PDB file of all heavy atoms in Angstrom:
ATOM      1  N   THR A   1     -15.515  29.608 -45.251  1.00  0.00           N
ATOM      2  CA  THR A   1     -15.640  30.578 -46.336  1.00  0.00           C
ATOM      3  C   THR A   1     -16.675  30.130 -47.363  1.00  0.00           C
ATOM      4  O   THR A   1     -17.330  30.938 -47.983  1.00  0.00           O
ATOM      5  CB  THR A   1     -14.288  30.769 -47.023  1.00  0.00           C
ATOM      6  OG1 THR A   1     -13.809  29.492 -47.480  1.00  0.00           O
ATOM      7  CG2 THR A   1     -13.291  31.396 -46.091  1.00  0.00           C
ATOM      8  N   ASN A   2     -16.777  28.835 -47.591  1.00  0.00           N
ATOM      9  CA  ASN A   2     -17.777  28.337 -48.538  1.00  0.00           C
ATOM     10  C   ASN A   2     -18.403  27.078 -47.949  1.00  0.00           C
ATOM     11  O   ASN A   2     -17.993  26.564 -46.929  1.00  0.00           O
ATOM     12  CB  ASN A   2     -17.125  28.010 -49.890  1.00  0.00           C
ATOM     13  CG  ASN A   2     -15.945  27.045 -49.752  1.00  0.00           C
ATOM     14  OD1 ASN A   2     -15.647  26.592 -48.662  1.00  0.00           O
ATOM     15  ND2 ASN A   2     -15.282  26.766 -50.833  1.00  0.00           N
ATOM     16  N   ASN A   3     -19.434  26.598 -48.625  1.00  0.00           N
ATOM     17  CA  ASN A   3     -20.125  25.376 -48.228  1.00  0.00           C
ATOM     18  C   ASN A   3     -20.716  25.487 -46.822  1.00  0.00           C
ATOM     19  O   ASN A   3     -20.388  24.732 -45.918  1.00  0.00           O
ATOM     20  CB  ASN A   3     -19.151  24.188 -48.318  1.00  0.00           C
ATOM     21  CG  ASN A   3     -19.834  22.973 -48.852  1.00  0.00           C
ATOM     22  OD1 ASN A   3     -21.016  23.008 -49.164  1.00  0.00           O
ATOM     23  ND2 ASN A   3     -19.102  21.884 -48.946  1.00  0.00           N
ATOM     24  N   LEU A   4     -21.616  26.438 -46.677  1.00  0.00           N
ATOM     25  CA  LEU A   4     -22.226  26.695 -45.373  1.00  0.00           C
ATOM     26  C   LEU A   4     -23.163  25.578 -44.943  1.00  0.00           C
ATOM     27  O   LEU A   4     -23.433  25.424 -43.757  1.00  0.00           O
ATOM     28  CB  LEU A   4     -22.985  28.006 -45.402  1.00  0.00           C
ATOM     29  CG  LEU A   4     -22.119  29.261 -45.408  1.00  0.00           C
ATOM     30  CD1 LEU A   4     -22.984  30.502 -45.486  1.00  0.00           C
ATOM     31  CD2 LEU A   4     -21.250  29.314 -44.193  1.00  0.00           C
ATOM     32  N   ASP A   5     -23.665  24.765 -45.860  1.00  0.00           N
ATOM     33  CA  ASP A   5     -24.538  23.672 -45.459  1.00  0.00           C
ATOM     34  C   ASP A   5     -23.788  22.621 -44.650  1.00  0.00           C
ATOM     35  O   ASP A   5     -24.317  22.072 -43.687  1.00  0.00           O
ATOM     36  CB  ASP A   5     -25.246  23.042 -46.653  1.00  0.00           C
ATOM     37  CG  ASP A   5     -24.273  22.559 -47.734  1.00  0.00           C
ATOM     38  OD1 ASP A   5     -23.102  23.008 -47.709  1.00  0.00           O
ATOM     39  OD2 ASP A   5     -24.707  21.769 -48.598  1.00  0.00           O
ATOM     40  N   LYS A   6     -22.524  22.357 -45.011  1.00  0.00           N
ATOM     41  CA  LYS A   6     -21.706  21.437 -44.223  1.00  0.00           C
ATOM     42  C   LYS A   6     -21.351  22.033 -42.862  1.00  0.00           C
ATOM     43  O   LYS A   6     -21.302  21.348 -41.845  1.00  0.00           O
ATOM     44  CB  LYS A   6     -20.448  21.047 -44.971  1.00  0.00           C
ATOM     45  CG  LYS A   6     -20.703  20.142 -46.151  1.00  0.00           C
ATOM     46  CD  LYS A   6     -19.434  19.710 -46.813  1.00  0.00           C
ATOM     47  CE  LYS A   6     -19.734  18.825 -48.005  1.00  0.00           C
ATOM     48  NZ  LYS A   6     -18.510  18.459 -48.713  1.00  0.00           N
ATOM     49  N   ALA A   7     -21.133  23.317 -42.824  1.00  0.00           N
ATOM     50  CA  ALA A   7     -20.822  23.991 -41.565  1.00  0.00           C
ATOM     51  C   ALA A   7     -22.040  23.958 -40.642  1.00  0.00           C
ATOM     52  O   ALA A   7     -21.914  23.751 -39.436  1.00  0.00           O
ATOM     53  CB  ALA A   7     -20.384  25.413 -41.795  1.00  0.00           C
ATOM     54  N   ALA A   8     -23.227  24.185 -41.212  1.00  0.00           N
ATOM     55  CA  ALA A   8     -24.444  24.136 -40.378  1.00  0.00           C
ATOM     56  C   ALA A   8     -24.679  22.744 -39.835  1.00  0.00           C
ATOM     57  O   ALA A   8     -25.089  22.576 -38.672  1.00  0.00           O
ATOM     58  CB  ALA A   8     -25.636  24.605 -41.214  1.00  0.00           C
ATOM     59  N   PHE A   9     -24.441  21.728 -40.649  1.00  0.00           N
ATOM     60  CA  PHE A   9     -24.592  20.359 -40.172  1.00  0.00           C
ATOM     61  C   PHE A   9     -23.597  20.050 -39.063  1.00  0.00           C
ATOM     62  O   PHE A   9     -23.927  19.407 -38.070  1.00  0.00           O
ATOM     63  CB  PHE A   9     -24.434  19.383 -41.337  1.00  0.00           C
ATOM     64  CG  PHE A   9     -24.684  17.965 -40.967  1.00  0.00           C
ATOM     65  CD1 PHE A   9     -25.930  17.525 -40.577  1.00  0.00           C
ATOM     66  CD2 PHE A   9     -23.630  17.043 -40.987  1.00  0.00           C
ATOM     67  CE1 PHE A   9     -26.159  16.213 -40.214  1.00  0.00           C
ATOM     68  CE2 PHE A   9     -23.839  15.733 -40.624  1.00  0.00           C
ATOM     69  CZ  PHE A   9     -25.114  15.313 -40.261  1.00  0.00           C
ATOM     70  N   ALA A  10     -22.343  20.518 -39.228  1.00  0.00           N
ATOM     71  CA  ALA A  10     -21.321  20.310 -38.186  1.00  0.00           C
ATOM     72  C   ALA A  10     -21.711  21.021 -36.918  1.00  0.00           C
ATOM     73  O   ALA A  10     -21.520  20.479 -35.814  1.00  0.00           O
ATOM     74  CB  ALA A  10     -19.968  20.796 -38.695  1.00  0.00           C
ATOM     75  N   ILE A  11     -22.267  22.217 -37.009  1.00  0.00           N
ATOM     76  CA  ILE A  11     -22.699  22.953 -35.832  1.00  0.00           C
ATOM     77  C   ILE A  11     -23.819  22.203 -35.119  1.00  0.00           C
ATOM     78  O   ILE A  11     -23.826  22.098 -33.886  1.00  0.00           O
ATOM     79  CB  ILE A  11     -23.115  24.390 -36.200  1.00  0.00           C
ATOM     80  CG1 ILE A  11     -21.895  25.209 -36.578  1.00  0.00           C
ATOM     81  CG2 ILE A  11     -23.877  25.060 -35.066  1.00  0.00           C
ATOM     82  CD1 ILE A  11     -22.235  26.558 -37.162  1.00  0.00           C
ATOM     83  N   MET A  12     -24.772  21.671 -35.877  1.00  0.00           N
ATOM     84  CA  MET A  12     -25.862  20.909 -35.261  1.00  0.00           C
ATOM     85  C   MET A  12     -25.336  19.699 -34.512  1.00  0.00           C
ATOM     86  O   MET A  12     -25.757  19.392 -33.402  1.00  0.00           O
ATOM     87  CB  MET A  12     -26.889  20.491 -36.309  1.00  0.00           C
ATOM     88  CG  MET A  12     -27.788  21.608 -36.750  1.00  0.00           C
ATOM     89  SD  MET A  12     -28.968  21.088 -38.002  1.00  0.00           S
ATOM     90  CE  MET A  12     -29.876  19.846 -37.150  1.00  0.00           C
ATOM     91  N   LEU A  13     -24.391  18.968 -35.130  1.00  0.00           N
ATOM     92  CA  LEU A  13     -23.839  17.793 -34.478  1.00  0.00           C
ATOM     93  C   LEU A  13     -23.048  18.165 -33.218  1.00  0.00           C
ATOM     94  O   LEU A  13     -23.139  17.497 -32.194  1.00  0.00           O
ATOM     95  CB  LEU A  13     -22.939  17.024 -35.460  1.00  0.00           C
ATOM     96  CG  LEU A  13     -23.653  16.271 -36.572  1.00  0.00           C
ATOM     97  CD1 LEU A  13     -22.612  15.629 -37.483  1.00  0.00           C
ATOM     98  CD2 LEU A  13     -24.571  15.240 -36.012  1.00  0.00           C
ATOM     99  N   ILE A  14     -22.267  19.196 -33.309  1.00  0.00           N
ATOM    100  CA  ILE A  14     -21.463  19.624 -32.163  1.00  0.00           C
ATOM    101  C   ILE A  14     -22.343  20.085 -31.015  1.00  0.00           C
ATOM    102  O   ILE A  14     -22.119  19.711 -29.854  1.00  0.00           O
ATOM    103  CB  ILE A  14     -20.462  20.735 -32.582  1.00  0.00           C
ATOM    104  CG1 ILE A  14     -19.375  20.137 -33.465  1.00  0.00           C
ATOM    105  CG2 ILE A  14     -19.862  21.431 -31.380  1.00  0.00           C
ATOM    106  CD1 ILE A  14     -18.500  21.158 -34.117  1.00  0.00           C
ATOM    107  N   LEU A  15     -23.369  20.870 -31.318  1.00  0.00           N
ATOM    108  CA  LEU A  15     -24.270  21.352 -30.256  1.00  0.00           C
ATOM    109  C   LEU A  15     -25.053  20.199 -29.633  1.00  0.00           C
ATOM    110  O   LEU A  15     -25.296  20.174 -28.434  1.00  0.00           O
ATOM    111  CB  LEU A  15     -25.207  22.422 -30.784  1.00  0.00           C
ATOM    112  CG  LEU A  15     -24.563  23.765 -31.097  1.00  0.00           C
ATOM    113  CD1 LEU A  15     -25.591  24.718 -31.679  1.00  0.00           C
ATOM    114  CD2 LEU A  15     -23.920  24.329 -29.893  1.00  0.00           C
ATOM    115  N   ALA A  16     -25.469  19.232 -30.455  1.00  0.00           N
ATOM    116  CA  ALA A  16     -26.201  18.079 -29.904  1.00  0.00           C
ATOM    117  C   ALA A  16     -25.278  17.286 -28.971  1.00  0.00           C
ATOM    118  O   ALA A  16     -25.688  16.880 -27.874  1.00  0.00           O
ATOM    119  CB  ALA A  16     -26.703  17.201 -31.044  1.00  0.00           C
ATOM    120  N   PHE A  17     -24.053  17.038 -29.392  1.00  0.00           N
ATOM    121  CA  PHE A  17     -23.134  16.287 -28.540  1.00  0.00           C
ATOM    122  C   PHE A  17     -22.821  17.061 -27.269  1.00  0.00           C
ATOM    123  O   PHE A  17     -22.815  16.477 -26.162  1.00  0.00           O
ATOM    124  CB  PHE A  17     -21.832  16.006 -29.297  1.00  0.00           C
ATOM    125  CG  PHE A  17     -20.772  15.401 -28.426  1.00  0.00           C
ATOM    126  CD1 PHE A  17     -20.847  14.113 -28.014  1.00  0.00           C
ATOM    127  CD2 PHE A  17     -19.697  16.185 -27.990  1.00  0.00           C
ATOM    128  CE1 PHE A  17     -19.879  13.562 -27.187  1.00  0.00           C
ATOM    129  CE2 PHE A  17     -18.735  15.654 -27.182  1.00  0.00           C
ATOM    130  CZ  PHE A  17     -18.809  14.336 -26.773  1.00  0.00           C
ATOM    131  N   LEU A  18     -22.538  18.363 -27.388  1.00  0.00           N
ATOM    132  CA  LEU A  18     -22.210  19.148 -26.211  1.00  0.00           C
ATOM    133  C   LEU A  18     -23.374  19.234 -25.215  1.00  0.00           C
ATOM    134  O   LEU A  18     -23.146  19.157 -23.987  1.00  0.00           O
ATOM    135  CB  LEU A  18     -21.774  20.558 -26.601  1.00  0.00           C
ATOM    136  CG  LEU A  18     -20.378  20.672 -27.179  1.00  0.00           C
ATOM    137  CD1 LEU A  18     -20.125  22.112 -27.636  1.00  0.00           C
ATOM    138  CD2 LEU A  18     -19.351  20.271 -26.154  1.00  0.00           C
ATOM    139  N   SER A  19     -24.578  19.382 -25.702  1.00  0.00           N
ATOM    140  CA  SER A  19     -25.708  19.482 -24.771  1.00  0.00           C
ATOM    141  C   SER A  19     -25.881  18.178 -23.995  1.00  0.00           C
ATOM    142  O   SER A  19     -26.134  18.193 -22.795  1.00  0.00           O
ATOM    143  CB  SER A  19     -26.999  19.842 -25.505  1.00  0.00           C
ATOM    144  OG  SER A  19     -27.402  18.783 -26.360  1.00  0.00           O
ATOM    145  N   PHE A  20     -25.743  17.058 -24.680  1.00  0.00           N
ATOM    146  CA  PHE A  20     -25.868  15.775 -24.001  1.00  0.00           C
ATOM    147  C   PHE A  20     -24.711  15.532 -23.058  1.00  0.00           C
ATOM    148  O   PHE A  20     -24.908  15.188 -21.894  1.00  0.00           O
ATOM    149  CB  PHE A  20     -25.959  14.641 -25.050  1.00  0.00           C
ATOM    150  CG  PHE A  20     -26.132  13.285 -24.446  1.00  0.00           C
ATOM    151  CD1 PHE A  20     -27.345  12.882 -23.968  1.00  0.00           C
ATOM    152  CD2 PHE A  20     -25.060  12.425 -24.341  1.00  0.00           C
ATOM    153  CE1 PHE A  20     -27.528  11.625 -23.402  1.00  0.00           C
ATOM    154  CE2 PHE A  20     -25.202  11.182 -23.781  1.00  0.00           C
ATOM    155  CZ  PHE A  20     -26.442  10.777 -23.315  1.00  0.00           C
ATOM    156  N   ALA A  21     -23.498  15.745 -23.520  1.00  0.00           N
ATOM    157  CA  ALA A  21     -22.318  15.445 -22.741  1.00  0.00           C
ATOM    158  C   ALA A  21     -22.180  16.345 -21.515  1.00  0.00           C
ATOM    159  O   ALA A  21     -21.890  15.888 -20.412  1.00  0.00           O
ATOM    160  CB  ALA A  21     -21.072  15.539 -23.596  1.00  0.00           C
ATOM    161  N   LEU A  22     -22.432  17.625 -21.682  1.00  0.00           N
ATOM    162  CA  LEU A  22     -22.318  18.553 -20.554  1.00  0.00           C
ATOM    163  C   LEU A  22     -23.363  18.300 -19.488  1.00  0.00           C
ATOM    164  O   LEU A  22     -23.063  18.326 -18.303  1.00  0.00           O
ATOM    165  CB  LEU A  22     -22.391  20.005 -21.033  1.00  0.00           C
ATOM    166  CG  LEU A  22     -21.175  20.521 -21.801  1.00  0.00           C
ATOM    167  CD1 LEU A  22     -21.446  21.916 -22.335  1.00  0.00           C
ATOM    168  CD2 LEU A  22     -19.936  20.534 -20.914  1.00  0.00           C
ATOM    169  N   ASN A  23     -24.590  18.020 -19.898  1.00  0.00           N
ATOM    170  CA  ASN A  23     -25.627  17.728 -18.920  1.00  0.00           C
ATOM    171  C   ASN A  23     -25.356  16.414 -18.199  1.00  0.00           C
ATOM    172  O   ASN A  23     -25.579  16.305 -17.001  1.00  0.00           O
ATOM    173  CB  ASN A  23     -26.995  17.699 -19.594  1.00  0.00           C
ATOM    174  CG  ASN A  23     -27.537  19.072 -19.801  1.00  0.00           C
ATOM    175  OD1 ASN A  23     -27.978  19.705 -18.853  1.00  0.00           O
ATOM    176  ND2 ASN A  23     -27.446  19.584 -21.012  1.00  0.00           N
ATOM    177  N   LEU A  24     -24.877  15.444 -18.931  1.00  0.00           N
ATOM    178  CA  LEU A  24     -24.530  14.159 -18.300  1.00  0.00           C
ATOM    179  C   LEU A  24     -23.391  14.356 -17.296  1.00  0.00           C
ATOM    180  O   LEU A  24     -23.446  13.851 -16.158  1.00  0.00           O
ATOM    181  CB  LEU A  24     -24.132  13.156 -19.379  1.00  0.00           C
ATOM    182  CG  LEU A  24     -23.849  11.745 -18.930  1.00  0.00           C
ATOM    183  CD1 LEU A  24     -25.105  11.093 -18.375  1.00  0.00           C
ATOM    184  CD2 LEU A  24     -23.322  10.924 -20.097  1.00  0.00           C
ATOM    185  N   PHE A  25     -22.387  15.108 -17.683  1.00  0.00           N
ATOM    186  CA  PHE A  25     -21.241  15.359 -16.802  1.00  0.00           C
ATOM    187  C   PHE A  25     -21.643  16.118 -15.546  1.00  0.00           C
ATOM    188  O   PHE A  25     -21.285  15.733 -14.418  1.00  0.00           O
ATOM    189  CB  PHE A  25     -20.156  16.118 -17.567  1.00  0.00           C
ATOM    190  CG  PHE A  25     -18.994  16.519 -16.678  1.00  0.00           C
ATOM    191  CD1 PHE A  25     -18.084  15.581 -16.253  1.00  0.00           C
ATOM    192  CD2 PHE A  25     -18.847  17.833 -16.300  1.00  0.00           C
ATOM    193  CE1 PHE A  25     -17.024  15.952 -15.460  1.00  0.00           C
ATOM    194  CE2 PHE A  25     -17.791  18.214 -15.495  1.00  0.00           C
ATOM    195  CZ  PHE A  25     -16.870  17.276 -15.083  1.00  0.00           C
ATOM    196  N   PHE A  26     -22.385  17.222 -15.721  1.00  0.00           N
ATOM    197  CA  PHE A  26     -22.775  18.026 -14.552  1.00  0.00           C
ATOM    198  C   PHE A  26     -23.718  17.278 -13.636  1.00  0.00           C
ATOM    199  O   PHE A  26     -23.651  17.405 -12.418  1.00  0.00           O
ATOM    200  CB  PHE A  26     -23.400  19.356 -14.996  1.00  0.00           C
ATOM    201  CG  PHE A  26     -22.418  20.342 -15.519  1.00  0.00           C
ATOM    202  CD1 PHE A  26     -22.674  21.040 -16.676  1.00  0.00           C
ATOM    203  CD2 PHE A  26     -21.233  20.572 -14.867  1.00  0.00           C
ATOM    204  CE1 PHE A  26     -21.776  21.959 -17.162  1.00  0.00           C
ATOM    205  CE2 PHE A  26     -20.316  21.489 -15.344  1.00  0.00           C
ATOM    206  CZ  PHE A  26     -20.584  22.171 -16.503  1.00  0.00           C
ATOM    207  N   THR A  27     -24.611  16.470 -14.210  1.00  0.00           N
ATOM    208  CA  THR A  27     -25.516  15.699 -13.359  1.00  0.00           C
ATOM    209  C   THR A  27     -24.751  14.647 -12.571  1.00  0.00           C
ATOM    210  O   THR A  27     -25.032  14.424 -11.395  1.00  0.00           O
ATOM    211  CB  THR A  27     -26.597  15.032 -14.217  1.00  0.00           C
ATOM    212  OG1 THR A  27     -27.294  16.035 -14.939  1.00  0.00           O
ATOM    213  CG2 THR A  27     -27.604  14.280 -13.361  1.00  0.00           C
ATOM    214  N   TYR A  28     -23.785  14.032 -13.200  1.00  0.00           N
ATOM    215  CA  TYR A  28     -22.993  13.024 -12.498  1.00  0.00           C
ATOM    216  C   TYR A  28     -22.139  13.655 -11.408  1.00  0.00           C
ATOM    217  O   TYR A  28     -22.020  13.128 -10.314  1.00  0.00           O
ATOM    218  CB  TYR A  28     -22.118  12.242 -13.489  1.00  0.00           C
ATOM    219  CG  TYR A  28     -21.306  11.177 -12.825  1.00  0.00           C
ATOM    220  CD1 TYR A  28     -21.902  10.000 -12.378  1.00  0.00           C
ATOM    221  CD2 TYR A  28     -19.949  11.335 -12.631  1.00  0.00           C
ATOM    222  CE1 TYR A  28     -21.163   9.011 -11.772  1.00  0.00           C
ATOM    223  CE2 TYR A  28     -19.186  10.354 -12.004  1.00  0.00           C
ATOM    224  CZ  TYR A  28     -19.802   9.195 -11.571  1.00  0.00           C
ATOM    225  OH  TYR A  28     -19.086   8.216 -10.947  1.00  0.00           O
ATOM    226  N   ARG A  29     -21.504  14.789 -11.706  1.00  0.00           N
ATOM    227  CA  ARG A  29     -20.614  15.417 -10.747  1.00  0.00           C
ATOM    228  C   ARG A  29     -21.327  16.158  -9.622  1.00  0.00           C
ATOM    229  O   ARG A  29     -20.898  16.125  -8.480  1.00  0.00           O
ATOM    230  CB  ARG A  29     -19.672  16.392 -11.474  1.00  0.00           C
ATOM    231  CG  ARG A  29     -18.707  15.752 -12.406  1.00  0.00           C
ATOM    232  CD  ARG A  29     -17.697  14.913 -11.732  1.00  0.00           C
ATOM    233  NE  ARG A  29     -16.877  15.789 -10.897  1.00  0.00           N
ATOM    234  CZ  ARG A  29     -15.988  15.351 -10.040  1.00  0.00           C
ATOM    235  NH1 ARG A  29     -15.794  14.093  -9.900  1.00  0.00           N
ATOM    236  NH2 ARG A  29     -15.299  16.198  -9.313  1.00  0.00           N
ATOM    237  N   LEU A  30     -22.421  16.863  -9.957  1.00  0.00           N
ATOM    238  CA  LEU A  30     -23.077  17.718  -8.971  1.00  0.00           C
ATOM    239  C   LEU A  30     -24.318  17.083  -8.341  1.00  0.00           C
ATOM    240  O   LEU A  30     -24.902  17.634  -7.420  1.00  0.00           O
ATOM    241  CB  LEU A  30     -23.442  19.063  -9.602  1.00  0.00           C
ATOM    242  CG  LEU A  30     -22.271  19.868 -10.149  1.00  0.00           C
ATOM    243  CD1 LEU A  30     -22.787  21.122 -10.816  1.00  0.00           C
ATOM    244  CD2 LEU A  30     -21.301  20.209  -9.031  1.00  0.00           C
ATOM    245  N   GLY A  31     -24.772  15.982  -8.863  1.00  0.00           N
ATOM    246  CA  GLY A  31     -25.934  15.336  -8.307  1.00  0.00           C
ATOM    247  C   GLY A  31     -27.186  15.657  -9.074  1.00  0.00           C
ATOM    248  O   GLY A  31     -27.184  16.344 -10.088  1.00  0.00           O
ATOM    249  N   LYS A  32     -28.296  15.141  -8.587  1.00  0.00           N
ATOM    250  CA  LYS A  32     -29.574  15.300  -9.271  1.00  0.00           C
ATOM    251  C   LYS A  32     -30.158  16.686  -8.984  1.00  0.00           C
ATOM    252  O   LYS A  32     -30.900  16.878  -8.046  1.00  0.00           O
ATOM    253  CB  LYS A  32     -30.547  14.229  -8.808  1.00  0.00           C
ATOM    254  CG  LYS A  32     -30.057  12.822  -9.069  1.00  0.00           C
ATOM    255  CD  LYS A  32     -31.017  11.812  -8.495  1.00  0.00           C
ATOM    256  CE  LYS A  32     -30.469  10.417  -8.609  1.00  0.00           C
ATOM    257  NZ  LYS A  32     -31.325   9.443  -7.973  1.00  0.00           N
ATOM    258  N   GLU A  33     -29.799  17.627  -9.817  1.00  0.00           N
ATOM    259  CA  GLU A  33     -30.312  18.998  -9.696  1.00  0.00           C
ATOM    260  C   GLU A  33     -31.054  19.332 -10.976  1.00  0.00           C
ATOM    261  O   GLU A  33     -30.469  19.370 -12.046  1.00  0.00           O
ATOM    262  CB  GLU A  33     -29.168  19.993  -9.491  1.00  0.00           C
ATOM    263  CG  GLU A  33     -28.367  19.782  -8.239  1.00  0.00           C
ATOM    264  CD  GLU A  33     -29.117  20.175  -6.983  1.00  0.00           C
ATOM    265  OE1 GLU A  33     -30.035  21.000  -7.059  1.00  0.00           O
ATOM    266  OE2 GLU A  33     -28.773  19.650  -5.916  1.00  0.00           O
ATOM    267  N   ILE A  34     -32.345  19.563 -10.890  1.00  0.00           N
ATOM    268  CA  ILE A  34     -33.151  19.795 -12.075  1.00  0.00           C
ATOM    269  C   ILE A  34     -32.827  21.141 -12.742  1.00  0.00           C
ATOM    270  O   ILE A  34     -33.174  21.377 -13.905  1.00  0.00           O
ATOM    271  CB  ILE A  34     -34.659  19.689 -11.727  1.00  0.00           C
ATOM    272  CG1 ILE A  34     -35.530  19.561 -12.996  1.00  0.00           C
ATOM    273  CG2 ILE A  34     -35.101  20.864 -10.903  1.00  0.00           C
ATOM    274  CD1 ILE A  34     -35.339  18.332 -13.758  1.00  0.00           C
ATOM    275  N   GLN A  35     -32.074  21.996 -12.054  1.00  0.00           N
ATOM    276  CA  GLN A  35     -31.701  23.267 -12.671  1.00  0.00           C
ATOM    277  C   GLN A  35     -30.747  23.080 -13.836  1.00  0.00           C
ATOM    278  O   GLN A  35     -30.643  23.953 -14.697  1.00  0.00           O
ATOM    279  CB  GLN A  35     -31.038  24.203 -11.657  1.00  0.00           C
ATOM    280  CG  GLN A  35     -31.878  24.611 -10.507  1.00  0.00           C
ATOM    281  CD  GLN A  35     -31.592  23.762  -9.281  1.00  0.00           C
ATOM    282  OE1 GLN A  35     -31.091  22.661  -9.370  1.00  0.00           O
ATOM    283  NE2 GLN A  35     -31.942  24.292  -8.122  1.00  0.00           N
ATOM    284  N   ILE A  36     -30.040  21.971 -13.888  1.00  0.00           N
ATOM    285  CA  ILE A  36     -29.020  21.756 -14.917  1.00  0.00           C
ATOM    286  C   ILE A  36     -29.597  21.776 -16.325  1.00  0.00           C
ATOM    287  O   ILE A  36     -29.164  22.547 -17.160  1.00  0.00           O
ATOM    288  CB  ILE A  36     -28.221  20.476 -14.610  1.00  0.00           C
ATOM    289  CG1 ILE A  36     -27.457  20.611 -13.304  1.00  0.00           C
ATOM    290  CG2 ILE A  36     -27.251  20.156 -15.748  1.00  0.00           C
ATOM    291  CD1 ILE A  36     -26.810  19.339 -12.802  1.00  0.00           C
ATOM    292  N   PRO A  37     -30.606  20.950 -16.648  1.00  0.00           N
ATOM    293  CA  PRO A  37     -31.123  21.011 -18.032  1.00  0.00           C
ATOM    294  C   PRO A  37     -31.879  22.298 -18.330  1.00  0.00           C
ATOM    295  O   PRO A  37     -31.858  22.762 -19.474  1.00  0.00           O
ATOM    296  CB  PRO A  37     -32.029  19.790 -18.145  1.00  0.00           C
ATOM    297  CG  PRO A  37     -32.364  19.403 -16.769  1.00  0.00           C
ATOM    298  CD  PRO A  37     -31.215  19.848 -15.917  1.00  0.00           C
ATOM    299  N   PHE A  38     -32.511  22.908 -17.342  1.00  0.00           N
ATOM    300  CA  PHE A  38     -33.188  24.181 -17.593  1.00  0.00           C
ATOM    301  C   PHE A  38     -32.194  25.294 -17.845  1.00  0.00           C
ATOM    302  O   PHE A  38     -32.422  26.139 -18.722  1.00  0.00           O
ATOM    303  CB  PHE A  38     -34.082  24.542 -16.410  1.00  0.00           C
ATOM    304  CG  PHE A  38     -35.355  23.741 -16.375  1.00  0.00           C
ATOM    305  CD1 PHE A  38     -35.633  22.920 -15.286  1.00  0.00           C
ATOM    306  CD2 PHE A  38     -36.255  23.790 -17.408  1.00  0.00           C
ATOM    307  CE1 PHE A  38     -36.796  22.180 -15.247  1.00  0.00           C
ATOM    308  CE2 PHE A  38     -37.418  23.037 -17.379  1.00  0.00           C
ATOM    309  CZ  PHE A  38     -37.693  22.224 -16.305  1.00  0.00           C
ATOM    310  N   LEU A  39     -31.064  25.276 -17.144  1.00  0.00           N
ATOM    311  CA  LEU A  39     -30.026  26.270 -17.415  1.00  0.00           C
ATOM    312  C   LEU A  39     -29.442  26.068 -18.815  1.00  0.00           C
ATOM    313  O   LEU A  39     -29.170  27.029 -19.511  1.00  0.00           O
ATOM    314  CB  LEU A  39     -28.913  26.165 -16.348  1.00  0.00           C
ATOM    315  CG  LEU A  39     -27.805  27.171 -16.417  1.00  0.00           C
ATOM    316  CD1 LEU A  39     -28.371  28.578 -16.182  1.00  0.00           C
ATOM    317  CD2 LEU A  39     -26.731  26.854 -15.409  1.00  0.00           C
ATOM    318  N   SER A  40     -29.294  24.825 -19.218  1.00  0.00           N
ATOM    319  CA  SER A  40     -28.803  24.530 -20.544  1.00  0.00           C
ATOM    320  C   SER A  40     -29.766  25.050 -21.614  1.00  0.00           C
ATOM    321  O   SER A  40     -29.345  25.658 -22.606  1.00  0.00           O
ATOM    322  CB  SER A  40     -28.620  23.013 -20.706  1.00  0.00           C
ATOM    323  OG  SER A  40     -28.297  22.674 -22.006  1.00  0.00           O
ATOM    324  N   ALA A  41     -31.055  24.853 -21.412  1.00  0.00           N
ATOM    325  CA  ALA A  41     -32.057  25.326 -22.378  1.00  0.00           C
ATOM    326  C   ALA A  41     -32.101  26.851 -22.410  1.00  0.00           C
ATOM    327  O   ALA A  41     -32.252  27.457 -23.465  1.00  0.00           O
ATOM    328  CB  ALA A  41     -33.418  24.751 -22.051  1.00  0.00           C
ATOM    329  N   MET A  42     -31.957  27.481 -21.245  1.00  0.00           N
ATOM    330  CA  MET A  42     -31.974  28.938 -21.210  1.00  0.00           C
ATOM    331  C   MET A  42     -30.754  29.519 -21.938  1.00  0.00           C
ATOM    332  O   MET A  42     -30.872  30.539 -22.615  1.00  0.00           O
ATOM    333  CB  MET A  42     -32.007  29.466 -19.762  1.00  0.00           C
ATOM    334  CG  MET A  42     -33.335  29.278 -19.114  1.00  0.00           C
ATOM    335  SD  MET A  42     -33.510  30.082 -17.500  1.00  0.00           S
ATOM    336  CE  MET A  42     -31.935  29.880 -16.735  1.00  0.00           C
ATOM    337  N   CYS A  43     -29.597  28.908 -21.770  1.00  0.00           N
ATOM    338  CA  CYS A  43     -28.410  29.398 -22.466  1.00  0.00           C
ATOM    339  C   CYS A  43     -28.515  29.187 -23.971  1.00  0.00           C
ATOM    340  O   CYS A  43     -28.023  30.010 -24.737  1.00  0.00           O
ATOM    341  CB  CYS A  43     -27.170  28.714 -21.927  1.00  0.00           C
ATOM    342  SG  CYS A  43     -26.755  29.197 -20.252  1.00  0.00           S
ATOM    343  N   SER A  44     -29.166  28.127 -24.388  1.00  0.00           N
ATOM    344  CA  SER A  44     -29.310  27.892 -25.820  1.00  0.00           C
ATOM    345  C   SER A  44     -30.344  28.834 -26.440  1.00  0.00           C
ATOM    346  O   SER A  44     -30.370  28.998 -27.664  1.00  0.00           O
ATOM    347  CB  SER A  44     -29.656  26.443 -26.115  1.00  0.00           C
ATOM    348  OG  SER A  44     -30.941  26.150 -25.642  1.00  0.00           O
ATOM    349  N   ALA A  45     -31.177  29.439 -25.633  1.00  0.00           N
ATOM    350  CA  ALA A  45     -32.121  30.419 -26.165  1.00  0.00           C
ATOM    351  C   ALA A  45     -31.432  31.630 -26.711  1.00  0.00           C
ATOM    352  O   ALA A  45     -31.994  32.344 -27.541  1.00  0.00           O
ATOM    353  CB  ALA A  45     -33.122  30.798 -25.069  1.00  0.00           C
ATOM    354  N   GLY A  46     -30.199  31.861 -26.299  1.00  0.00           N
ATOM    355  CA  GLY A  46     -29.427  32.970 -26.843  1.00  0.00           C
ATOM    356  C   GLY A  46     -29.109  32.793 -28.314  1.00  0.00           C
ATOM    357  O   GLY A  46     -28.786  33.767 -29.005  1.00  0.00           O
ATOM    358  N   LEU A  47     -29.228  31.562 -28.813  1.00  0.00           N
ATOM    359  CA  LEU A  47     -29.011  31.330 -30.235  1.00  0.00           C
ATOM    360  C   LEU A  47     -30.049  32.055 -31.097  1.00  0.00           C
ATOM    361  O   LEU A  47     -29.790  32.373 -32.258  1.00  0.00           O
ATOM    362  CB  LEU A  47     -29.043  29.836 -30.538  1.00  0.00           C
ATOM    363  CG  LEU A  47     -27.898  29.028 -29.977  1.00  0.00           C
ATOM    364  CD1 LEU A  47     -28.168  27.535 -30.139  1.00  0.00           C
ATOM    365  CD2 LEU A  47     -26.603  29.376 -30.640  1.00  0.00           C
TER     366      LEU A  47
END
């Protein structure tokens, strides 16, 4: 409801962690597929 600068900072931290963690997890589980980071970047373009 207030203090949007702290919310924006929290969103940046959460998105940075999720992008790293999800790509690391999917690469480890599914193997070396270059589509993984490109799919991640394409989905973040919706922002």
